[in-house]
C-alpha atoms as a PDB file:
ATOM      1  CA  MET A   1      -8.229  -5.231   9.601  1.00  0.00           C
ATOM      2  CA  CYS A   2      -6.121  -3.978   6.873  1.00  0.00           C
ATOM      3  CA  GLY A   3      -2.250  -4.067   6.999  1.00  0.00           C
ATOM      4  CA  ILE A   4       0.171  -1.466   6.674  1.00  0.00           C
ATOM      5  CA  VAL A   5       4.009  -1.255   6.281  1.00  0.00           C
ATOM      6  CA  GLY A   6       6.670   0.868   5.395  1.00  0.00           C
ATOM      7  CA  PHE A   7      10.174   1.367   4.813  1.00  0.00           C
ATOM      8  CA  PHE A   8      12.059   4.462   5.027  1.00  0.00           C
ATOM      9  CA  ASN A   9      15.938   5.238   4.145  1.00  0.00           C
ATOM     10  CA  CYS A  10      16.340   1.295   3.051  1.00  0.00           C
ATOM     11  CA  THR A  11      18.520   0.450   0.144  1.00  0.00           C
ATOM     12  CA  ASP A  12      16.239  -2.787  -0.539  1.00  0.00           C
ATOM     13  CA  ALA A  13      12.863  -1.360   0.191  1.00  0.00           C
ATOM     14  CA  GLN A  14      11.111  -3.169  -2.450  1.00  0.00           C
ATOM     15  CA  LYS A  15      12.253  -6.380  -2.067  1.00  0.00           C
ATOM     16  CA  LYS A  16      11.256  -5.983   1.898  1.00  0.00           C
ATOM     17  CA  MET A  17       7.829  -4.216   0.591  1.00  0.00           C
ATOM     18  CA  ASP A  18       7.377  -7.260  -1.847  1.00  0.00           C
ATOM     19  CA  LEU A  19       7.952  -9.913   1.397  1.00  0.00           C
ATOM     20  CA  ALA A  20       5.749  -7.839   3.927  1.00  0.00           C
ATOM     21  CA  LEU A  21       3.147  -7.888   1.657  1.00  0.00           C
ATOM     22  CA  ALA A  22       3.315 -11.121   1.124  1.00  0.00           C
ATOM     23  CA  MET A  23       3.007 -11.799   4.601  1.00  0.00           C
ATOM     24  CA  LEU A  24       0.457  -9.223   4.940  1.00  0.00           C
ATOM     25  CA  LEU A  25      -1.826 -11.461   2.613  1.00  0.00           C
ATOM     26  CA  ASN A  26      -3.861 -12.680   5.415  1.00  0.00           C
ATOM     27  CA  ARG A  27      -4.579  -9.271   6.423  1.00  0.00           C
ATOM     28  CA  GLY A  28      -6.301  -7.942   2.970  1.00  0.00           C
ATOM     29  CA  LYS A  29      -6.963  -9.708   0.093  1.00  0.00           C
ATOM     30  CA  ASP A  30      -9.014  -6.982  -1.643  1.00  0.00           C
ATOM     31  CA  GLY A  31      -6.221  -5.059  -2.764  1.00  0.00           C
ATOM     32  CA  PHE A  32      -3.154  -3.635  -2.431  1.00  0.00           C
ATOM     33  CA  GLY A  33      -1.600   0.209  -2.306  1.00  0.00           C
ATOM     34  CA  VAL A  34       1.994   1.456  -2.913  1.00  0.00           C
ATOM     35  CA  GLY A  35       3.571   4.308  -2.195  1.00  0.00           C
ATOM     36  CA  ASP A  36       7.050   5.791  -3.061  1.00  0.00           C
ATOM     37  CA  GLY A  37       6.704   9.587  -1.910  1.00  0.00           C
ATOM     38  CA  LYS A  38       5.639  11.172  -5.737  1.00  0.00           C
ATOM     39  CA  LYS A  39       2.556   8.711  -6.539  1.00  0.00           C
ATOM     40  CA  ILE A  40       0.460   6.495  -5.127  1.00  0.00           C
ATOM     41  CA  GLU A  41      -0.544   3.276  -7.158  1.00  0.00           C
ATOM     42  CA  HIS A  42      -3.646   0.911  -6.490  1.00  0.00           C
ATOM     43  CA  PHE A  43      -3.549  -2.553  -7.609  1.00  0.00           C
ATOM     44  CA  LYS A  44      -6.478  -5.121  -7.515  1.00  0.00           C
ATOM     45  CA  LEU A  45      -3.318  -8.430  -7.257  1.00  0.00           C
ATOM     46  CA  LEU A  46      -0.146  -8.570  -5.865  1.00  0.00           C
ATOM     47  CA  LYS A  47       1.301 -10.130  -8.458  1.00  0.00           C
ATOM     48  CA  ASP A  48       0.681  -6.368 -10.354  1.00  0.00           C
ATOM     49  CA  ILE A  49       2.594  -4.230  -7.960  1.00  0.00           C
ATOM     50  CA  PRO A  50       5.576  -3.070 -10.337  1.00  0.00           C
ATOM     51  CA  SER A  51       8.785  -2.468  -9.039  1.00  0.00           C
ATOM     52  CA  LEU A  52       9.665   0.774  -7.655  1.00  0.00           C
ATOM     53  CA  LYS A  53      13.180   2.576  -7.698  1.00  0.00           C
ATOM     54  CA  SER A  54      12.906   4.518  -4.179  1.00  0.00           C
ATOM     55  CA  ASN A  55      14.315   3.797  -0.785  1.00  0.00           C
ATOM     56  CA  CYS A  56      11.301   5.150   1.326  1.00  0.00           C
ATOM     57  CA  LEU A  57       8.341   3.320   0.426  1.00  0.00           C
ATOM     58  CA  ILE A  58       4.577   2.564   2.366  1.00  0.00           C
ATOM     59  CA  GLY A  59       2.224   0.029   0.954  1.00  0.00           C
ATOM     60  CA  HIS A  60      -1.305  -1.282   2.653  1.00  0.00           C
ATOM     61  CA  THR A  61      -3.115  -4.451   2.199  1.00  0.00           C
ATOM     62  CA  LEU A  62      -7.210  -4.110   1.704  1.00  0.00           C
ATOM     63  CA  HIS A  63      -9.761  -6.044   3.602  1.00  0.00           C
ATOM     64  CA  SER A  64     -12.896  -4.473   1.959  1.00  0.00           C
ATOM     65  CA  VAL A  65     -15.804  -4.346   3.878  1.00  0.00           C
ATOM     66  CA  VAL A  66     -17.866  -2.482   1.221  1.00  0.00           C
ATOM     67  CA  SER A  67     -15.881  -2.063  -2.299  1.00  0.00           C
ATOM     68  CA  PHE A  68     -12.566  -1.851  -4.122  1.00  0.00           C
ATOM     69  CA  VAL A  69     -12.633   1.690  -3.715  1.00  0.00           C
ATOM     70  CA  SER A  70      -9.572   4.002  -3.813  1.00  0.00           C
ATOM     71  CA  GLN A  71      -9.813   7.121  -1.457  1.00  0.00           C
ATOM     72  CA  PRO A  72      -6.818   8.951  -2.248  1.00  0.00           C
ATOM     73  CA  LEU A  73      -6.194  12.712  -0.499  1.00  0.00           C
ATOM     74  CA  GLN A  74      -4.978  15.217  -2.615  1.00  0.00           C
ATOM     75  CA  GLU A  75      -2.417  16.986  -1.004  1.00  0.00           C
ATOM     76  CA  GLN A  76       1.310  17.103  -0.204  1.00  0.00           C
ATOM     77  CA  GLY A  77       2.819  14.081   1.670  1.00  0.00           C
ATOM     78  CA  MET A  78       0.905  10.404   1.826  1.00  0.00           C
ATOM     79  CA  ILE A  79      -0.135   8.471   4.560  1.00  0.00           C
ATOM     80  CA  VAL A  80      -1.641   5.249   5.131  1.00  0.00           C
ATOM     81  CA  ALA A  81      -4.758   4.336   7.755  1.00  0.00           C
ATOM     82  CA  ASN A  82      -7.108   1.659   8.454  1.00  0.00           C
ATOM     83  CA  CYS A  83     -10.437   3.666   8.045  1.00  0.00           C
ATOM     84  CA  GLU A  84     -13.171   4.281   5.717  1.00  0.00           C
ATOM     85  CA  LEU A  85     -14.402   8.394   4.246  1.00  0.00           C
ATOM     86  CA  TYR A  86     -17.913   9.015   4.374  1.00  0.00           C
ATOM     87  CA  ASN A  87     -18.696  12.054   2.949  1.00  0.00           C
END
């Protein structure tokens, strides 16, 4: 099971996101993703996540069953889901 977290209209969203992802590390150590409303970025290591200047952030930890594969949806808005997409 992956971990999902979000902060909205929060002045210290980045600080809280860093802490929350570290706390969710046991929910997934295979990868991390963070979105700030403009872009979503994926990282292999928690320490590689840069500081994002936004008061709204969503993030997740990945517990990979198959592999570390980014599955972004290229539309307006953002969603974090605990699932795998198959064609």
